[in-house]
Amino acid sequence: MKIEELGIQGVHLVRPQVFDDPRGAFLELFVGHRLSAQTGRPMDVAQVNCSVSRHGTIRGIHLTATPPGEAKYVTCVSGSIIDVVVDVRTGSPTYGASLAIPLDDTQHHALYIAEGLGHGFAAVSDTAVVTYLCDNTYTPGQTISINPLDPQLALPWPDLDDIVLSDKDRTAPTLAQAEALGILPHYTTPHTPAHPAGQRPAPHK
């Protein structure tokens, strides 16, 4: 399993080793202590969500207000998506920056997204099944939504002939509007990474 931080602090791409044989394939999709050793953050799974989306669906941009915040570990178990992460933490050196990462059922890559970052994806296969491991349970009233089609953000969505959005996402505020409302999380100094393999970092309070 290879884990690397991408261009936004708190976003890590996980490349598991896939073992193929005549029966099919096997892989370790999530190994908590290895992830924590690389990210310097605990990832205690409290809830697992699953979504099924048809081609052209965009879900997001979503996050959970901090505190409590919510880290996610996202993978596409069937089909393919373009996963998009955007830094919406005020005061962050990469505020407003975004990443687009393909996830599919062939490479089996996963994406770790720290609390405070906005997340969404577009389904580019006929049907896409996405699972999210979350370190907190859903908290009513704590969800923050940013319009995925915010023209100033200009997120790197794939070319889609027919975009399918929920009413909530379609009418969500732009990043500038959300900042003006004072609902965005604030950037804090990054946690110290690189704990020895097999050792968990102490929980952050």
N, C-alpha and C. Protein backbone atom coordinates (compact mmCIF):
# COMPACT_ATOMS: atom_id res chain seq x y z
N MET A 1 0.84 -1.19 0.00
CA MET A 1 0.00 0.00 0.00
C MET A 1 0.88 1.25 0.00
N LYS A 2 0.68 2.10 -0.99
CA LYS A 2 1.43 3.34 -1.08
C LYS A 2 0.48 4.51 -0.80
N ILE A 3 0.95 5.43 0.05
CA ILE A 3 0.13 6.58 0.45
C ILE A 3 0.94 7.84 0.21
N GLU A 4 0.38 8.78 -0.54
CA GLU A 4 1.09 10.02 -0.82
C GLU A 4 0.16 11.21 -0.65
N GLU A 5 0.71 12.29 -0.08
CA GLU A 5 -0.06 13.52 0.04
C GLU A 5 -0.05 14.24 -1.29
N LEU A 6 -1.20 14.77 -1.66
CA LEU A 6 -1.34 15.48 -2.92
C LEU A 6 -1.11 16.97 -2.70
N GLY A 7 -1.57 17.82 -3.61
CA GLY A 7 -1.20 19.23 -3.57
C GLY A 7 -1.91 20.08 -2.55
N ILE A 8 -2.85 19.49 -1.80
CA ILE A 8 -3.54 20.22 -0.74
C ILE A 8 -3.29 19.48 0.57
N GLN A 9 -2.83 20.20 1.60
CA GLN A 9 -2.52 19.57 2.88
C GLN A 9 -3.78 18.88 3.44
N GLY A 10 -3.63 17.59 3.76
CA GLY A 10 -4.76 16.84 4.29
C GLY A 10 -5.43 15.94 3.27
N VAL A 11 -4.94 15.92 2.03
CA VAL A 11 -5.49 15.05 0.99
C VAL A 11 -4.43 14.02 0.61
N HIS A 12 -4.74 12.75 0.77
CA HIS A 12 -3.79 11.67 0.48
C HIS A 12 -4.41 10.66 -0.47
N LEU A 13 -3.64 10.26 -1.46
CA LEU A 13 -4.04 9.19 -2.38
C LEU A 13 -3.47 7.88 -1.87
N VAL A 14 -4.32 6.85 -1.82
CA VAL A 14 -3.92 5.54 -1.33
C VAL A 14 -3.96 4.56 -2.51
N ARG A 15 -2.81 3.94 -2.76
CA ARG A 15 -2.72 2.95 -3.84
C ARG A 15 -2.48 1.57 -3.22
N PRO A 16 -3.53 0.76 -3.05
CA PRO A 16 -3.32 -0.56 -2.47
C PRO A 16 -2.68 -1.51 -3.46
N GLN A 17 -1.98 -2.51 -2.93
CA GLN A 17 -1.43 -3.56 -3.78
C GLN A 17 -2.53 -4.55 -4.10
N VAL A 18 -2.71 -4.84 -5.38
CA VAL A 18 -3.77 -5.75 -5.83
C VAL A 18 -3.13 -7.09 -6.18
N PHE A 19 -3.66 -8.16 -5.58
CA PHE A 19 -3.16 -9.51 -5.84
C PHE A 19 -4.15 -10.21 -6.77
N ASP A 20 -3.72 -10.46 -8.00
CA ASP A 20 -4.57 -11.11 -9.00
C ASP A 20 -4.26 -12.60 -9.06
N ASP A 21 -5.29 -13.41 -9.27
CA ASP A 21 -5.11 -14.82 -9.53
C ASP A 21 -6.28 -15.30 -10.38
N PRO A 22 -6.35 -16.56 -10.74
CA PRO A 22 -7.42 -17.02 -11.63
C PRO A 22 -8.83 -16.79 -11.09
N ARG A 23 -8.98 -16.62 -9.78
CA ARG A 23 -10.30 -16.36 -9.20
C ARG A 23 -10.75 -14.92 -9.36
N GLY A 24 -9.78 -14.01 -9.50
CA GLY A 24 -10.09 -12.58 -9.54
C GLY A 24 -8.99 -11.79 -8.88
N ALA A 25 -9.33 -11.04 -7.83
CA ALA A 25 -8.32 -10.19 -7.19
C ALA A 25 -8.65 -10.02 -5.71
N PHE A 26 -7.60 -9.67 -4.94
CA PHE A 26 -7.74 -9.37 -3.51
C PHE A 26 -6.86 -8.17 -3.20
N LEU A 27 -7.35 -7.30 -2.32
CA LEU A 27 -6.55 -6.15 -1.90
C LEU A 27 -6.97 -5.72 -0.50
N GLU A 28 -6.06 -5.07 0.19
CA GLU A 28 -6.37 -4.44 1.47
C GLU A 28 -6.78 -3.01 1.17
N LEU A 29 -8.07 -2.74 1.27
CA LEU A 29 -8.58 -1.44 0.88
C LEU A 29 -8.30 -0.36 1.92
N PHE A 30 -8.30 -0.75 3.20
CA PHE A 30 -8.10 0.23 4.28
C PHE A 30 -7.33 -0.44 5.40
N VAL A 31 -6.22 0.17 5.80
CA VAL A 31 -5.42 -0.31 6.95
C VAL A 31 -5.20 0.91 7.85
N GLY A 32 -5.93 0.97 8.95
CA GLY A 32 -5.96 2.17 9.77
C GLY A 32 -4.62 2.64 10.27
N HIS A 33 -3.79 1.72 10.81
CA HIS A 33 -2.53 2.17 11.41
C HIS A 33 -1.57 2.67 10.34
N ARG A 34 -1.63 2.10 9.13
CA ARG A 34 -0.75 2.58 8.07
C ARG A 34 -1.17 3.98 7.61
N LEU A 35 -2.47 4.18 7.49
CA LEU A 35 -2.96 5.50 7.10
C LEU A 35 -2.57 6.55 8.14
N SER A 36 -2.77 6.24 9.41
CA SER A 36 -2.45 7.19 10.48
C SER A 36 -0.95 7.48 10.53
N ALA A 37 -0.13 6.45 10.28
CA ALA A 37 1.32 6.65 10.30
C ALA A 37 1.76 7.61 9.22
N GLN A 38 1.10 7.61 8.07
CA GLN A 38 1.47 8.48 6.97
C GLN A 38 0.87 9.87 7.08
N THR A 39 -0.34 9.96 7.60
CA THR A 39 -1.02 11.26 7.64
C THR A 39 -0.81 12.00 8.95
N GLY A 40 -0.42 11.27 10.02
CA GLY A 40 -0.30 11.90 11.32
C GLY A 40 -1.65 12.20 11.96
N ARG A 41 -2.69 11.55 11.44
CA ARG A 41 -4.05 11.79 11.94
C ARG A 41 -4.71 10.44 12.24
N PRO A 42 -5.46 10.35 13.34
CA PRO A 42 -6.20 9.12 13.59
C PRO A 42 -7.36 9.01 12.62
N MET A 43 -7.73 7.78 12.25
CA MET A 43 -8.90 7.56 11.41
C MET A 43 -9.70 6.41 12.01
N ASP A 44 -10.46 6.73 13.06
CA ASP A 44 -11.31 5.75 13.72
C ASP A 44 -12.66 5.76 13.01
N VAL A 45 -12.98 4.69 12.33
CA VAL A 45 -14.20 4.65 11.51
C VAL A 45 -15.43 4.58 12.40
N ALA A 46 -16.30 5.58 12.27
CA ALA A 46 -17.53 5.64 13.05
C ALA A 46 -18.76 5.34 12.21
N GLN A 47 -18.66 5.52 10.91
CA GLN A 47 -19.82 5.32 10.04
C GLN A 47 -19.32 5.01 8.63
N VAL A 48 -20.02 4.13 7.93
CA VAL A 48 -19.70 3.81 6.54
C VAL A 48 -20.92 4.11 5.69
N ASN A 49 -20.75 4.98 4.69
CA ASN A 49 -21.85 5.35 3.79
C ASN A 49 -21.60 4.78 2.41
N CYS A 50 -22.67 4.61 1.65
CA CYS A 50 -22.57 4.11 0.28
C CYS A 50 -23.57 4.86 -0.58
N SER A 51 -23.13 5.33 -1.74
CA SER A 51 -24.04 6.00 -2.67
C SER A 51 -23.97 5.31 -4.02
N VAL A 52 -25.10 5.29 -4.71
CA VAL A 52 -25.21 4.75 -6.06
C VAL A 52 -25.67 5.89 -6.96
N SER A 53 -24.90 6.19 -8.00
CA SER A 53 -25.18 7.35 -8.85
C SER A 53 -25.16 6.96 -10.32
N ARG A 54 -26.06 7.56 -11.08
CA ARG A 54 -26.06 7.31 -12.52
C ARG A 54 -25.14 8.30 -13.22
N HIS A 55 -24.79 7.99 -14.46
CA HIS A 55 -23.86 8.81 -15.23
C HIS A 55 -24.32 10.28 -15.24
N GLY A 56 -23.37 11.16 -15.03
CA GLY A 56 -23.66 12.60 -15.06
C GLY A 56 -24.01 13.19 -13.72
N THR A 57 -24.18 12.36 -12.71
CA THR A 57 -24.52 12.87 -11.37
C THR A 57 -23.29 13.53 -10.75
N ILE A 58 -23.50 14.70 -10.18
CA ILE A 58 -22.49 15.36 -9.36
C ILE A 58 -23.04 15.44 -7.94
N ARG A 59 -22.30 14.91 -7.00
CA ARG A 59 -22.66 15.01 -5.58
C ARG A 59 -21.62 15.89 -4.90
N GLY A 60 -22.07 16.92 -4.23
CA GLY A 60 -21.15 17.84 -3.56
C GLY A 60 -21.36 19.25 -4.09
N ILE A 61 -20.56 20.11 -3.56
CA ILE A 61 -19.43 19.95 -2.64
C ILE A 61 -19.95 19.97 -1.20
N HIS A 62 -19.52 18.99 -0.39
CA HIS A 62 -20.03 18.84 0.97
C HIS A 62 -18.88 18.75 1.97
N LEU A 63 -19.17 19.17 3.18
CA LEU A 63 -18.28 18.98 4.33
C LEU A 63 -19.10 19.12 5.59
N THR A 64 -18.47 18.81 6.73
CA THR A 64 -19.11 18.94 8.03
C THR A 64 -18.43 20.06 8.80
N ALA A 65 -19.24 20.91 9.42
CA ALA A 65 -18.71 22.05 10.17
C ALA A 65 -17.75 21.56 11.25
N THR A 66 -16.71 22.36 11.49
CA THR A 66 -15.74 22.04 12.54
C THR A 66 -15.87 23.04 13.69
N PRO A 67 -15.92 22.54 14.96
CA PRO A 67 -16.08 21.13 15.27
C PRO A 67 -17.52 20.66 15.01
N PRO A 68 -17.75 19.34 14.84
CA PRO A 68 -16.82 18.25 15.05
C PRO A 68 -15.95 17.95 13.83
N GLY A 69 -16.38 18.34 12.63
CA GLY A 69 -15.64 17.99 11.43
C GLY A 69 -15.79 16.51 11.11
N GLU A 70 -15.34 16.16 9.91
CA GLU A 70 -15.45 14.76 9.50
C GLU A 70 -14.41 14.44 8.44
N ALA A 71 -13.51 13.52 8.75
CA ALA A 71 -12.57 13.02 7.75
C ALA A 71 -13.24 11.88 6.99
N LYS A 72 -12.86 11.72 5.72
CA LYS A 72 -13.46 10.69 4.88
C LYS A 72 -12.37 9.88 4.19
N TYR A 73 -12.71 8.63 3.93
CA TYR A 73 -11.85 7.73 3.16
C TYR A 73 -12.75 7.18 2.06
N VAL A 74 -12.50 7.62 0.84
CA VAL A 74 -13.46 7.43 -0.26
C VAL A 74 -12.87 6.50 -1.31
N THR A 75 -13.70 5.56 -1.78
CA THR A 75 -13.29 4.71 -2.89
C THR A 75 -14.50 4.38 -3.74
N CYS A 76 -14.25 4.07 -5.00
CA CYS A 76 -15.30 3.68 -5.94
C CYS A 76 -15.22 2.17 -6.12
N VAL A 77 -16.19 1.45 -5.59
CA VAL A 77 -16.15 -0.01 -5.61
C VAL A 77 -16.76 -0.60 -6.88
N SER A 78 -17.51 0.21 -7.62
CA SER A 78 -18.07 -0.25 -8.89
C SER A 78 -18.24 0.96 -9.81
N GLY A 79 -17.73 0.84 -11.05
CA GLY A 79 -17.81 1.95 -11.98
C GLY A 79 -16.63 2.88 -11.84
N SER A 80 -16.84 4.14 -12.20
CA SER A 80 -15.75 5.12 -12.14
C SER A 80 -16.30 6.52 -11.89
N ILE A 81 -15.50 7.31 -11.18
CA ILE A 81 -15.87 8.68 -10.84
C ILE A 81 -14.65 9.58 -11.01
N ILE A 82 -14.92 10.87 -11.08
CA ILE A 82 -13.89 11.88 -10.89
C ILE A 82 -14.17 12.53 -9.54
N ASP A 83 -13.27 12.30 -8.61
CA ASP A 83 -13.44 12.82 -7.26
C ASP A 83 -12.79 14.20 -7.18
N VAL A 84 -13.48 15.14 -6.58
CA VAL A 84 -13.00 16.51 -6.50
C VAL A 84 -12.92 16.95 -5.04
N VAL A 85 -11.75 17.47 -4.65
CA VAL A 85 -11.55 18.03 -3.32
C VAL A 85 -11.19 19.50 -3.48
N VAL A 86 -11.80 20.34 -2.66
CA VAL A 86 -11.51 21.78 -2.72
C VAL A 86 -11.21 22.28 -1.30
N ASP A 87 -10.19 23.10 -1.19
CA ASP A 87 -9.80 23.67 0.10
C ASP A 87 -10.68 24.87 0.40
N VAL A 88 -11.58 24.70 1.36
CA VAL A 88 -12.49 25.78 1.75
C VAL A 88 -12.17 26.31 3.14
N ARG A 89 -10.96 26.02 3.62
CA ARG A 89 -10.55 26.47 4.96
C ARG A 89 -10.01 27.89 4.87
N THR A 90 -10.71 28.83 5.46
CA THR A 90 -10.25 30.21 5.42
C THR A 90 -8.88 30.31 6.10
N GLY A 91 -7.99 31.08 5.51
CA GLY A 91 -6.65 31.22 6.05
C GLY A 91 -5.67 30.19 5.54
N SER A 92 -6.15 29.22 4.77
CA SER A 92 -5.25 28.19 4.25
C SER A 92 -4.41 28.76 3.11
N PRO A 93 -3.15 28.34 3.00
CA PRO A 93 -2.32 28.81 1.88
C PRO A 93 -2.83 28.31 0.53
N THR A 94 -3.68 27.29 0.52
CA THR A 94 -4.24 26.79 -0.73
C THR A 94 -5.76 27.02 -0.79
N TYR A 95 -6.24 28.03 -0.08
CA TYR A 95 -7.68 28.32 -0.05
C TYR A 95 -8.21 28.50 -1.48
N GLY A 96 -9.28 27.78 -1.79
CA GLY A 96 -9.89 27.86 -3.11
C GLY A 96 -9.29 26.92 -4.14
N ALA A 97 -8.15 26.29 -3.81
CA ALA A 97 -7.53 25.34 -4.74
C ALA A 97 -8.31 24.03 -4.74
N SER A 98 -8.24 23.30 -5.86
CA SER A 98 -8.97 22.05 -5.98
C SER A 98 -8.13 20.99 -6.67
N LEU A 99 -8.53 19.74 -6.47
CA LEU A 99 -7.89 18.59 -7.09
C LEU A 99 -8.96 17.72 -7.71
N ALA A 100 -8.66 17.09 -8.84
CA ALA A 100 -9.55 16.12 -9.46
C ALA A 100 -8.80 14.80 -9.57
N ILE A 101 -9.34 13.75 -8.96
CA ILE A 101 -8.66 12.46 -8.91
C ILE A 101 -9.61 11.38 -9.42
N PRO A 102 -9.23 10.62 -10.44
CA PRO A 102 -10.08 9.52 -10.89
C PRO A 102 -10.01 8.35 -9.92
N LEU A 103 -11.17 7.80 -9.59
CA LEU A 103 -11.27 6.60 -8.78
C LEU A 103 -12.15 5.60 -9.53
N ASP A 104 -11.75 4.34 -9.52
CA ASP A 104 -12.54 3.35 -10.26
C ASP A 104 -12.37 1.96 -9.67
N ASP A 105 -13.08 0.99 -10.26
CA ASP A 105 -13.05 -0.39 -9.76
C ASP A 105 -11.97 -1.22 -10.45
N THR A 106 -11.04 -0.56 -11.15
CA THR A 106 -9.93 -1.25 -11.79
C THR A 106 -8.64 -1.07 -11.00
N GLN A 107 -8.31 0.20 -10.72
CA GLN A 107 -7.09 0.48 -9.94
C GLN A 107 -7.33 0.36 -8.44
N HIS A 108 -8.59 0.57 -8.01
CA HIS A 108 -8.96 0.44 -6.59
C HIS A 108 -8.27 1.46 -5.70
N HIS A 109 -7.94 2.62 -6.23
CA HIS A 109 -7.35 3.67 -5.40
C HIS A 109 -8.40 4.23 -4.44
N ALA A 110 -7.91 4.80 -3.36
CA ALA A 110 -8.78 5.44 -2.38
C ALA A 110 -8.24 6.83 -2.09
N LEU A 111 -9.08 7.66 -1.50
CA LEU A 111 -8.70 9.04 -1.20
C LEU A 111 -9.04 9.33 0.25
N TYR A 112 -8.01 9.77 1.00
CA TYR A 112 -8.23 10.24 2.36
C TYR A 112 -8.37 11.75 2.33
N ILE A 113 -9.45 12.26 2.95
CA ILE A 113 -9.76 13.69 2.94
C ILE A 113 -9.94 14.13 4.38
N ALA A 114 -9.06 14.99 4.86
CA ALA A 114 -9.10 15.44 6.25
C ALA A 114 -10.33 16.32 6.49
N GLU A 115 -10.66 16.48 7.76
CA GLU A 115 -11.78 17.34 8.14
C GLU A 115 -11.52 18.77 7.67
N GLY A 116 -12.60 19.47 7.33
CA GLY A 116 -12.49 20.86 6.90
C GLY A 116 -12.34 21.07 5.42
N LEU A 117 -12.19 19.99 4.65
CA LEU A 117 -12.06 20.10 3.20
C LEU A 117 -13.37 19.75 2.53
N GLY A 118 -13.68 20.45 1.44
CA GLY A 118 -14.88 20.17 0.68
C GLY A 118 -14.67 19.01 -0.26
N HIS A 119 -15.72 18.20 -0.45
CA HIS A 119 -15.59 16.99 -1.26
C HIS A 119 -16.83 16.78 -2.13
N GLY A 120 -16.58 16.27 -3.33
CA GLY A 120 -17.67 15.88 -4.21
C GLY A 120 -17.14 14.97 -5.30
N PHE A 121 -18.03 14.47 -6.12
CA PHE A 121 -17.58 13.64 -7.24
C PHE A 121 -18.61 13.66 -8.36
N ALA A 122 -18.13 13.30 -9.55
CA ALA A 122 -18.99 13.14 -10.73
C ALA A 122 -18.92 11.70 -11.19
N ALA A 123 -20.07 11.09 -11.44
CA ALA A 123 -20.11 9.72 -11.95
C ALA A 123 -19.89 9.75 -13.46
N VAL A 124 -18.88 9.03 -13.92
CA VAL A 124 -18.56 9.02 -15.36
C VAL A 124 -18.82 7.66 -16.00
N SER A 125 -19.19 6.66 -15.22
CA SER A 125 -19.64 5.38 -15.77
C SER A 125 -21.17 5.36 -15.76
N ASP A 126 -21.75 4.34 -16.37
CA ASP A 126 -23.22 4.25 -16.39
C ASP A 126 -23.79 4.30 -14.97
N THR A 127 -23.16 3.57 -14.07
CA THR A 127 -23.52 3.58 -12.65
C THR A 127 -22.22 3.55 -11.84
N ALA A 128 -22.18 4.30 -10.77
CA ALA A 128 -21.00 4.33 -9.90
C ALA A 128 -21.44 4.11 -8.46
N VAL A 129 -20.77 3.16 -7.80
CA VAL A 129 -21.04 2.89 -6.39
C VAL A 129 -19.83 3.36 -5.59
N VAL A 130 -20.07 4.28 -4.68
CA VAL A 130 -18.99 4.91 -3.91
C VAL A 130 -19.21 4.65 -2.43
N THR A 131 -18.14 4.26 -1.73
CA THR A 131 -18.22 4.09 -0.29
C THR A 131 -17.39 5.16 0.40
N TYR A 132 -17.86 5.59 1.56
CA TYR A 132 -17.17 6.59 2.36
C TYR A 132 -17.02 6.05 3.77
N LEU A 133 -15.80 5.89 4.22
CA LEU A 133 -15.54 5.61 5.62
C LEU A 133 -15.40 6.96 6.32
N CYS A 134 -16.15 7.18 7.38
CA CYS A 134 -16.17 8.49 8.05
C CYS A 134 -15.75 8.32 9.51
N ASP A 135 -15.01 9.31 10.02
CA ASP A 135 -14.55 9.20 11.41
C ASP A 135 -15.53 9.81 12.40
N ASN A 136 -16.67 10.30 11.90
CA ASN A 136 -17.75 10.77 12.77
C ASN A 136 -19.08 10.36 12.17
N THR A 137 -20.08 10.21 13.00
CA THR A 137 -21.41 9.91 12.51
C THR A 137 -22.07 11.20 12.01
N TYR A 138 -23.07 11.04 11.18
CA TYR A 138 -23.79 12.19 10.63
C TYR A 138 -24.41 13.02 11.76
N THR A 139 -24.20 14.31 11.70
CA THR A 139 -24.74 15.22 12.70
C THR A 139 -25.72 16.18 12.02
N PRO A 140 -27.01 16.05 12.27
CA PRO A 140 -27.98 16.94 11.61
C PRO A 140 -27.66 18.41 11.88
N GLY A 141 -27.78 19.22 10.85
CA GLY A 141 -27.56 20.65 10.98
C GLY A 141 -26.11 21.07 10.89
N GLN A 142 -25.18 20.11 10.73
CA GLN A 142 -23.76 20.44 10.68
C GLN A 142 -23.18 20.37 9.26
N THR A 143 -23.99 19.97 8.29
CA THR A 143 -23.49 19.85 6.92
C THR A 143 -23.38 21.21 6.25
N ILE A 144 -22.27 21.44 5.57
CA ILE A 144 -22.06 22.65 4.77
C ILE A 144 -22.00 22.24 3.30
N SER A 145 -22.72 22.95 2.46
CA SER A 145 -22.71 22.68 1.03
C SER A 145 -22.21 23.91 0.27
N ILE A 146 -21.39 23.67 -0.73
CA ILE A 146 -20.90 24.71 -1.63
C ILE A 146 -21.36 24.35 -3.04
N ASN A 147 -21.83 25.34 -3.78
CA ASN A 147 -22.32 25.07 -5.13
C ASN A 147 -21.22 24.46 -6.00
N PRO A 148 -21.43 23.26 -6.53
CA PRO A 148 -20.36 22.63 -7.32
C PRO A 148 -20.10 23.31 -8.65
N LEU A 149 -21.03 24.16 -9.08
CA LEU A 149 -20.87 24.86 -10.34
C LEU A 149 -20.53 26.34 -10.13
N ASP A 150 -20.01 26.66 -8.95
CA ASP A 150 -19.57 28.03 -8.65
C ASP A 150 -18.60 28.49 -9.73
N PRO A 151 -18.95 29.53 -10.51
CA PRO A 151 -18.09 29.93 -11.63
C PRO A 151 -16.72 30.46 -11.19
N GLN A 152 -16.64 31.04 -10.00
CA GLN A 152 -15.35 31.54 -9.53
C GLN A 152 -14.42 30.40 -9.11
N LEU A 153 -15.00 29.34 -8.52
CA LEU A 153 -14.19 28.18 -8.17
C LEU A 153 -13.74 27.44 -9.43
N ALA A 154 -14.62 27.36 -10.42
CA ALA A 154 -14.32 26.68 -11.69
C ALA A 154 -13.71 25.30 -11.44
N LEU A 155 -14.44 24.47 -10.72
CA LEU A 155 -13.92 23.16 -10.34
C LEU A 155 -13.70 22.28 -11.58
N PRO A 156 -12.70 21.40 -11.51
CA PRO A 156 -12.29 20.62 -12.69
C PRO A 156 -13.18 19.41 -12.95
N TRP A 157 -14.48 19.64 -13.15
CA TRP A 157 -15.39 18.55 -13.46
C TRP A 157 -15.14 18.02 -14.86
N PRO A 158 -15.42 16.75 -15.11
CA PRO A 158 -15.31 16.23 -16.47
C PRO A 158 -16.40 16.80 -17.37
N ASP A 159 -16.20 16.69 -18.66
CA ASP A 159 -17.24 17.13 -19.60
C ASP A 159 -18.42 16.17 -19.52
N LEU A 160 -19.58 16.69 -19.18
CA LEU A 160 -20.79 15.89 -19.04
C LEU A 160 -21.89 16.52 -19.87
N ASP A 161 -22.56 15.71 -20.68
CA ASP A 161 -23.64 16.24 -21.52
C ASP A 161 -24.86 16.62 -20.69
N ASP A 162 -25.12 15.85 -19.66
CA ASP A 162 -26.32 16.06 -18.84
C ASP A 162 -25.94 15.95 -17.38
N ILE A 163 -25.86 17.07 -16.68
CA ILE A 163 -25.48 17.09 -15.27
C ILE A 163 -26.72 16.89 -14.40
N VAL A 164 -26.62 15.97 -13.45
CA VAL A 164 -27.71 15.70 -12.52
C VAL A 164 -27.29 16.19 -11.14
N LEU A 165 -28.06 17.14 -10.59
CA LEU A 165 -27.78 17.71 -9.28
C LEU A 165 -29.00 17.62 -8.39
N SER A 166 -28.79 17.50 -7.10
CA SER A 166 -29.91 17.62 -6.16
C SER A 166 -30.30 19.10 -6.07
N ASP A 167 -31.52 19.36 -5.63
CA ASP A 167 -31.95 20.75 -5.44
C ASP A 167 -31.07 21.45 -4.41
N LYS A 168 -30.65 20.70 -3.38
CA LYS A 168 -29.81 21.29 -2.33
C LYS A 168 -28.48 21.74 -2.90
N ASP A 169 -27.86 20.93 -3.76
CA ASP A 169 -26.58 21.31 -4.33
C ASP A 169 -26.74 22.43 -5.36
N ARG A 170 -27.82 22.38 -6.11
CA ARG A 170 -28.04 23.40 -7.15
C ARG A 170 -28.21 24.79 -6.56
N THR A 171 -28.82 24.86 -5.36
CA THR A 171 -29.10 26.16 -4.74
C THR A 171 -28.11 26.51 -3.62
N ALA A 172 -27.06 25.70 -3.47
CA ALA A 172 -26.07 25.95 -2.41
C ALA A 172 -25.32 27.24 -2.69
N PRO A 173 -24.81 27.90 -1.66
CA PRO A 173 -24.08 29.16 -1.86
C PRO A 173 -22.74 28.92 -2.56
N THR A 174 -22.24 29.96 -3.19
CA THR A 174 -20.89 29.91 -3.75
C THR A 174 -19.89 29.96 -2.59
N LEU A 175 -18.63 29.73 -2.91
CA LEU A 175 -17.60 29.80 -1.86
C LEU A 175 -17.56 31.20 -1.25
N ALA A 176 -17.63 32.23 -2.08
CA ALA A 176 -17.59 33.61 -1.57
C ALA A 176 -18.79 33.89 -0.67
N GLN A 177 -19.95 33.40 -1.05
CA GLN A 177 -21.15 33.61 -0.23
C GLN A 177 -21.03 32.86 1.10
N ALA A 178 -20.50 31.63 1.05
CA ALA A 178 -20.33 30.86 2.28
C ALA A 178 -19.33 31.53 3.21
N GLU A 179 -18.27 32.11 2.64
CA GLU A 179 -17.30 32.83 3.46
C GLU A 179 -17.95 34.05 4.11
N ALA A 180 -18.76 34.76 3.34
CA ALA A 180 -19.44 35.94 3.87
C ALA A 180 -20.41 35.57 4.99
N LEU A 181 -20.99 34.37 4.91
CA LEU A 181 -21.92 33.91 5.94
C LEU A 181 -21.18 33.44 7.20
N GLY A 182 -19.86 33.28 7.10
CA GLY A 182 -19.06 32.85 8.25
C GLY A 182 -19.24 31.39 8.62
N ILE A 183 -19.58 30.54 7.62
CA ILE A 183 -19.86 29.13 7.93
C ILE A 183 -18.69 28.21 7.59
N LEU A 184 -17.62 28.74 7.01
CA LEU A 184 -16.52 27.90 6.58
C LEU A 184 -15.56 27.60 7.74
N PRO A 185 -14.91 26.43 7.70
CA PRO A 185 -13.91 26.12 8.73
C PRO A 185 -12.67 26.98 8.55
N HIS A 186 -11.88 27.10 9.61
CA HIS A 186 -10.65 27.88 9.53
C HIS A 186 -9.46 26.94 9.53
N TYR A 187 -8.46 27.29 8.75
CA TYR A 187 -7.24 26.49 8.63
C TYR A 187 -6.45 26.56 9.92
N THR A 188 -5.95 25.40 10.35
CA THR A 188 -5.07 25.35 11.51
C THR A 188 -3.74 24.74 11.09
N THR A 189 -2.72 24.93 11.91
CA THR A 189 -1.40 24.40 11.60
C THR A 189 -1.48 22.90 11.37
N PRO A 190 -0.86 22.39 10.31
CA PRO A 190 -0.93 20.96 10.02
C PRO A 190 -0.40 20.12 11.17
N HIS A 191 -1.02 18.94 11.32
CA HIS A 191 -0.54 17.99 12.32
C HIS A 191 0.83 17.46 11.89
N THR A 192 1.63 17.05 12.86
CA THR A 192 2.93 16.46 12.57
C THR A 192 2.75 15.05 12.02
N PRO A 193 3.23 14.77 10.79
CA PRO A 193 3.03 13.45 10.19
C PRO A 193 4.12 12.46 10.60
N ALA A 194 4.08 11.32 9.92
CA ALA A 194 5.15 10.31 9.99
C ALA A 194 5.33 9.73 11.38
N HIS A 195 4.34 8.96 11.81
CA HIS A 195 4.50 8.16 13.03
C HIS A 195 5.02 6.79 12.63
N PRO A 196 5.80 6.14 13.47
CA PRO A 196 6.32 4.82 13.12
C PRO A 196 5.20 3.86 12.77
N ALA A 197 5.42 3.02 11.79
CA ALA A 197 4.40 2.07 11.34
C ALA A 197 3.92 1.24 12.52
N GLY A 198 2.60 1.09 12.58
CA GLY A 198 2.01 0.27 13.64
C GLY A 198 1.70 1.04 14.89
N GLN A 199 2.11 2.30 14.99
CA GLN A 199 1.83 3.10 16.18
C GLN A 199 0.82 4.17 15.80
N ARG A 200 -0.19 4.32 16.61
CA ARG A 200 -1.23 5.30 16.36
C ARG A 200 -0.88 6.61 17.05
N PRO A 201 -1.12 7.73 16.39
CA PRO A 201 -0.90 9.01 17.07
C PRO A 201 -1.98 9.24 18.12
N ALA A 202 -1.67 10.04 19.10
CA ALA A 202 -2.67 10.38 20.11
C ALA A 202 -3.77 11.19 19.46
N PRO A 203 -5.03 10.99 19.90
CA PRO A 203 -6.13 11.76 19.32
C PRO A 203 -5.90 13.26 19.50
N HIS A 204 -6.32 14.03 18.49
CA HIS A 204 -6.23 15.49 18.57
C HIS A 204 -7.52 16.01 19.21
N LYS A 205 -7.39 16.90 20.16
CA LYS A 205 -8.56 17.41 20.87
C LYS A 205 -8.83 18.86 20.46
